[in-house]
Amino acid sequence: MADNARAKKLADLIREVVAQKLQRGIKDPRLGSQVTITDTRVTGDLREATVFYTVYGDDEERAAAAAGLESAKGVLRSAVGAAAGVKFTPTLTFVADALPDTAKTIEDLLDKARAKDAQVREVSAGAAFAGDADPYKKPGDEDDSAETGDAAE
């Protein structure tokens, strides 16, 4: 349990240090303001850290940002080591976060569902029920007594 809390604390620190360094310390034009650090996860032994990021732009800008992060990996790891003060600075692995793509897919599905709901509302606006107003049989109905009378004879 203590290791898990320590890993979480280190992951939060890595996320903050990498985000600040990208914003202020790295002069690479590929790593402009469109790169956002979304999450960081550290293994239980605190040796490896996975940094999730998003890039707002097209595929070319995403590829350029990935190359920029790979080239800045050493500088970012040094900054993490200086801020963390741990015996072994974790290696950094950068992974493009699928969150924006997933959110867009969900939004598209919700739009389709809204359109289907509107279509069903339009079709059912003037529709009437197929059966009687009260489709349930009650004791004492004529059809019910006739059936029981035939069965008794």
C-alpha atoms as a PDB file:
ATOM      1  CA  MET A   1       0.000   0.000   0.000  1.00  0.00           C
ATOM      2  CA  ALA A   2       2.833   2.394   0.831  1.00  0.00           C
ATOM      3  CA  ASP A   3       4.545   1.613  -2.483  1.00  0.00           C
ATOM      4  CA  ASN A   4       1.346   2.414  -4.341  1.00  0.00           C
ATOM      5  CA  ALA A   5       1.036   5.795  -2.616  1.00  0.00           C
ATOM      6  CA  ARG A   6       4.694   6.535  -3.293  1.00  0.00           C
ATOM      7  CA  ALA A   7       4.288   5.638  -6.987  1.00  0.00           C
ATOM      8  CA  LYS A   8       1.213   7.878  -7.235  1.00  0.00           C
ATOM      9  CA  LYS A   9       3.037  10.757  -5.586  1.00  0.00           C
ATOM     10  CA  LEU A  10       6.019  10.341  -7.933  1.00  0.00           C
ATOM     11  CA  ALA A  11       3.686  10.109 -10.942  1.00  0.00           C
ATOM     12  CA  ASP A  12       2.016  13.398  -9.977  1.00  0.00           C
ATOM     13  CA  LEU A  13       5.415  15.055  -9.562  1.00  0.00           C
ATOM     14  CA  ILE A  14       6.602  13.771 -12.951  1.00  0.00           C
ATOM     15  CA  ARG A  15       3.451  15.069 -14.634  1.00  0.00           C
ATOM     16  CA  GLU A  16       3.944  18.548 -13.145  1.00  0.00           C
ATOM     17  CA  VAL A  17       7.684  18.731 -13.874  1.00  0.00           C
ATOM     18  CA  VAL A  18       7.334  17.535 -17.480  1.00  0.00           C
ATOM     19  CA  ALA A  19       4.430  19.923 -18.148  1.00  0.00           C
ATOM     20  CA  GLN A  20       6.315  22.902 -16.706  1.00  0.00           C
ATOM     21  CA  LYS A  21       9.507  22.022 -18.558  1.00  0.00           C
ATOM     22  CA  LEU A  22       7.634  21.666 -21.847  1.00  0.00           C
ATOM     23  CA  GLN A  23       5.981  25.021 -21.291  1.00  0.00           C
ATOM     24  CA  ARG A  24       9.041  26.995 -20.180  1.00  0.00           C
ATOM     25  CA  GLY A  25      12.300  25.111 -20.653  1.00  0.00           C
ATOM     26  CA  ILE A  26      12.238  23.371 -24.029  1.00  0.00           C
ATOM     27  CA  LYS A  27      12.863  25.545 -27.087  1.00  0.00           C
ATOM     28  CA  ASP A  28      11.842  22.896 -29.641  1.00  0.00           C
ATOM     29  CA  PRO A  29       9.222  24.395 -32.005  1.00  0.00           C
ATOM     30  CA  ARG A  30       7.613  20.937 -32.407  1.00  0.00           C
ATOM     31  CA  LEU A  31       6.633  21.080 -28.734  1.00  0.00           C
ATOM     32  CA  GLY A  32       4.533  24.213 -28.829  1.00  0.00           C
ATOM     33  CA  SER A  33       1.497  24.996 -26.743  1.00  0.00           C
ATOM     34  CA  GLN A  34      -0.529  22.255 -28.445  1.00  0.00           C
ATOM     35  CA  VAL A  35       1.092  19.453 -26.355  1.00  0.00           C
ATOM     36  CA  THR A  36      -0.773  18.676 -23.133  1.00  0.00           C
ATOM     37  CA  ILE A  37       0.307  16.148 -20.510  1.00  0.00           C
ATOM     38  CA  THR A  38      -2.839  14.253 -19.486  1.00  0.00           C
ATOM     39  CA  ASP A  39      -1.630  11.499 -17.145  1.00  0.00           C
ATOM     40  CA  THR A  40       1.463   9.789 -15.767  1.00  0.00           C
ATOM     41  CA  ARG A  41       1.850   6.267 -14.397  1.00  0.00           C
ATOM     42  CA  VAL A  42       4.845   4.842 -12.561  1.00  0.00           C
ATOM     43  CA  THR A  43       5.613   1.150 -12.063  1.00  0.00           C
ATOM     44  CA  GLY A  44       5.634  -0.253  -8.537  1.00  0.00           C
ATOM     45  CA  ASP A  45       9.442  -0.390  -8.429  1.00  0.00           C
ATOM     46  CA  LEU A  46       9.597   3.313  -9.462  1.00  0.00           C
ATOM     47  CA  ARG A  47      11.928   2.489 -12.372  1.00  0.00           C
ATOM     48  CA  GLU A  48       9.708   3.324 -15.353  1.00  0.00           C
ATOM     49  CA  ALA A  49       7.229   6.123 -15.949  1.00  0.00           C
ATOM     50  CA  THR A  50       4.704   6.341 -18.764  1.00  0.00           C
ATOM     51  CA  VAL A  51       3.684   9.890 -19.663  1.00  0.00           C
ATOM     52  CA  PHE A  52       0.437  10.263 -21.612  1.00  0.00           C
ATOM     53  CA  TYR A  53       0.020  13.348 -23.766  1.00  0.00           C
ATOM     54  CA  THR A  54      -2.353  14.813 -26.343  1.00  0.00           C
ATOM     55  CA  VAL A  55      -1.604  17.047 -29.299  1.00  0.00           C
ATOM     56  CA  TYR A  56      -4.269  19.305 -30.714  1.00  0.00           C
ATOM     57  CA  GLY A  57      -3.693  19.353 -34.429  1.00  0.00           C
ATOM     58  CA  ASP A  58      -3.486  17.114 -37.448  1.00  0.00           C
ATOM     59  CA  ASP A  59      -1.522  13.876 -37.889  1.00  0.00           C
ATOM     60  CA  GLU A  60       1.572  15.741 -39.066  1.00  0.00           C
ATOM     61  CA  GLU A  61       1.666  17.857 -35.892  1.00  0.00           C
ATOM     62  CA  ARG A  62       1.150  14.733 -33.756  1.00  0.00           C
ATOM     63  CA  ALA A  63       4.078  12.997 -35.428  1.00  0.00           C
ATOM     64  CA  ALA A  64       6.268  16.101 -35.008  1.00  0.00           C
ATOM     65  CA  ALA A  65       5.339  16.338 -31.318  1.00  0.00           C
ATOM     66  CA  ALA A  66       6.168  12.654 -30.787  1.00  0.00           C
ATOM     67  CA  ALA A  67       9.582  13.173 -32.388  1.00  0.00           C
ATOM     68  CA  GLY A  68      10.139  16.305 -30.290  1.00  0.00           C
ATOM     69  CA  LEU A  69       9.294  14.468 -27.066  1.00  0.00           C
ATOM     70  CA  GLU A  70      11.672  11.638 -27.971  1.00  0.00           C
ATOM     71  CA  SER A  71      14.491  14.108 -28.592  1.00  0.00           C
ATOM     72  CA  ALA A  72      13.781  15.985 -25.339  1.00  0.00           C
ATOM     73  CA  LYS A  73      13.508  12.802 -23.262  1.00  0.00           C
ATOM     74  CA  GLY A  74      16.976  13.197 -21.689  1.00  0.00           C
ATOM     75  CA  VAL A  75      16.428  16.810 -20.659  1.00  0.00           C
ATOM     76  CA  LEU A  76      13.018  15.976 -19.221  1.00  0.00           C
ATOM     77  CA  ARG A  77      14.394  12.993 -17.291  1.00  0.00           C
ATOM     78  CA  SER A  78      17.153  15.175 -15.827  1.00  0.00           C
ATOM     79  CA  ALA A  79      14.564  17.727 -14.710  1.00  0.00           C
ATOM     80  CA  VAL A  80      12.496  14.960 -13.097  1.00  0.00           C
ATOM     81  CA  GLY A  81      15.583  13.604 -11.321  1.00  0.00           C
ATOM     82  CA  ALA A  82      16.480  17.038  -9.945  1.00  0.00           C
ATOM     83  CA  ALA A  83      12.935  17.647  -8.697  1.00  0.00           C
ATOM     84  CA  ALA A  84      12.244  14.161  -7.316  1.00  0.00           C
ATOM     85  CA  GLY A  85      15.424  13.541  -5.374  1.00  0.00           C
ATOM     86  CA  VAL A  86      15.087   9.764  -5.700  1.00  0.00           C
ATOM     87  CA  LYS A  87      17.943   7.291  -5.878  1.00  0.00           C
ATOM     88  CA  PHE A  88      17.035   6.167  -9.383  1.00  0.00           C
ATOM     89  CA  THR A  89      15.318   8.528 -11.815  1.00  0.00           C
ATOM     90  CA  PRO A  90      12.648   6.609 -13.733  1.00  0.00           C
ATOM     91  CA  THR A  91      12.960   6.219 -17.480  1.00  0.00           C
ATOM     92  CA  LEU A  92      10.303   8.167 -19.361  1.00  0.00           C
ATOM     93  CA  THR A  93       8.136   6.677 -22.081  1.00  0.00           C
ATOM     94  CA  PHE A  94       5.786   8.998 -23.962  1.00  0.00           C
ATOM     95  CA  VAL A  95       2.482   7.591 -25.202  1.00  0.00           C
ATOM     96  CA  ALA A  96      -0.103   9.515 -27.206  1.00  0.00           C
ATOM     97  CA  ASP A  97      -3.333   9.527 -25.229  1.00  0.00           C
ATOM     98  CA  ALA A  98      -6.398   8.268 -27.093  1.00  0.00           C
ATOM     99  CA  LEU A  99      -8.754  10.351 -24.949  1.00  0.00           C
ATOM    100  CA  PRO A 100      -9.647  12.999 -27.584  1.00  0.00           C
ATOM    101  CA  ASP A 101     -10.315  10.332 -30.226  1.00  0.00           C
ATOM    102  CA  THR A 102     -12.430   8.333 -27.788  1.00  0.00           C
ATOM    103  CA  ALA A 103     -14.359  11.443 -26.768  1.00  0.00           C
ATOM    104  CA  LYS A 104     -15.052  12.275 -30.419  1.00  0.00           C
ATOM    105  CA  THR A 105     -16.285   8.732 -31.083  1.00  0.00           C
ATOM    106  CA  ILE A 106     -18.616   8.899 -28.079  1.00  0.00           C
ATOM    107  CA  GLU A 107     -19.894  12.327 -29.163  1.00  0.00           C
ATOM    108  CA  ASP A 108     -20.608  10.988 -32.672  1.00  0.00           C
ATOM    109  CA  LEU A 109     -22.520   8.031 -31.219  1.00  0.00           C
ATOM    110  CA  LEU A 110     -24.550  10.344 -28.983  1.00  0.00           C
ATOM    111  CA  ASP A 111     -25.408  12.533 -32.001  1.00  0.00           C
ATOM    112  CA  LYS A 112     -26.641   9.453 -33.887  1.00  0.00           C
ATOM    113  CA  ALA A 113     -28.752   8.404 -30.894  1.00  0.00           C
ATOM    114  CA  ARG A 114     -30.275  11.901 -30.649  1.00  0.00           C
ATOM    115  CA  ALA A 115     -31.147  11.818 -34.366  1.00  0.00           C
ATOM    116  CA  LYS A 116     -32.793   8.382 -33.986  1.00  0.00           C
ATOM    117  CA  ASP A 117     -34.765   9.586 -30.952  1.00  0.00           C
ATOM    118  CA  ALA A 118     -36.011  12.608 -32.909  1.00  0.00           C
ATOM    119  CA  GLN A 119     -37.017  10.337 -35.802  1.00  0.00           C
ATOM    120  CA  VAL A 120     -38.958   8.027 -33.452  1.00  0.00           C
ATOM    121  CA  ARG A 121     -40.687  11.045 -31.868  1.00  0.00           C
ATOM    122  CA  GLU A 122     -41.777  12.300 -35.296  1.00  0.00           C
ATOM    123  CA  VAL A 123     -43.159   8.903 -36.339  1.00  0.00           C
ATOM    124  CA  SER A 124     -45.000   8.363 -33.064  1.00  0.00           C
ATOM    125  CA  ALA A 125     -46.485  11.876 -32.858  1.00  0.00           C
ATOM    126  CA  GLY A 126     -49.825  10.997 -34.499  1.00  0.00           C
ATOM    127  CA  ALA A 127     -49.870   7.290 -33.708  1.00  0.00           C
ATOM    128  CA  ALA A 128     -52.585   5.554 -31.681  1.00  0.00           C
ATOM    129  CA  PHE A 129     -52.345   2.446 -29.541  1.00  0.00           C
ATOM    130  CA  ALA A 130     -52.972  -0.838 -31.346  1.00  0.00           C
ATOM    131  CA  GLY A 131     -55.375  -2.342 -28.805  1.00  0.00           C
ATOM    132  CA  ASP A 132     -58.168  -1.196 -26.550  1.00  0.00           C
ATOM    133  CA  ALA A 133     -57.632   1.509 -23.997  1.00  0.00           C
ATOM    134  CA  ASP A 134     -57.569  -1.159 -21.246  1.00  0.00           C
ATOM    135  CA  PRO A 135     -56.153  -4.414 -22.678  1.00  0.00           C
ATOM    136  CA  TYR A 136     -56.328  -6.400 -19.416  1.00  0.00           C
ATOM    137  CA  LYS A 137     -59.118  -8.909 -18.700  1.00  0.00           C
ATOM    138  CA  LYS A 138     -60.951  -8.487 -15.443  1.00  0.00           C
ATOM    139  CA  PRO A 139     -62.844 -11.088 -13.454  1.00  0.00           C
ATOM    140  CA  GLY A 140     -66.480 -10.930 -14.433  1.00  0.00           C
ATOM    141  CA  ASP A 141     -65.896 -10.116 -18.108  1.00  0.00           C
ATOM    142  CA  GLU A 142     -68.281 -11.922 -20.481  1.00  0.00           C
ATOM    143  CA  ASP A 143     -65.533 -13.744 -22.414  1.00  0.00           C
ATOM    144  CA  ASP A 144     -63.919 -14.962 -19.185  1.00  0.00           C
ATOM    145  CA  SER A 145     -67.159 -16.416 -17.734  1.00  0.00           C
ATOM    146  CA  ALA A 146     -68.034 -18.136 -21.003  1.00  0.00           C
ATOM    147  CA  GLU A 147     -64.685 -19.911 -21.120  1.00  0.00           C
ATOM    148  CA  THR A 148     -64.954 -21.118 -17.522  1.00  0.00           C
ATOM    149  CA  GLY A 149     -68.540 -22.260 -18.085  1.00  0.00           C
ATOM    150  CA  ASP A 150     -67.503 -24.370 -21.088  1.00  0.00           C
ATOM    151  CA  ALA A 151     -64.708 -25.944 -19.107  1.00  0.00           C
ATOM    152  CA  ALA A 152     -67.072 -26.848 -16.220  1.00  0.00           C
ATOM    153  CA  GLU A 153     -69.554 -28.708 -18.425  1.00  0.00           C
END
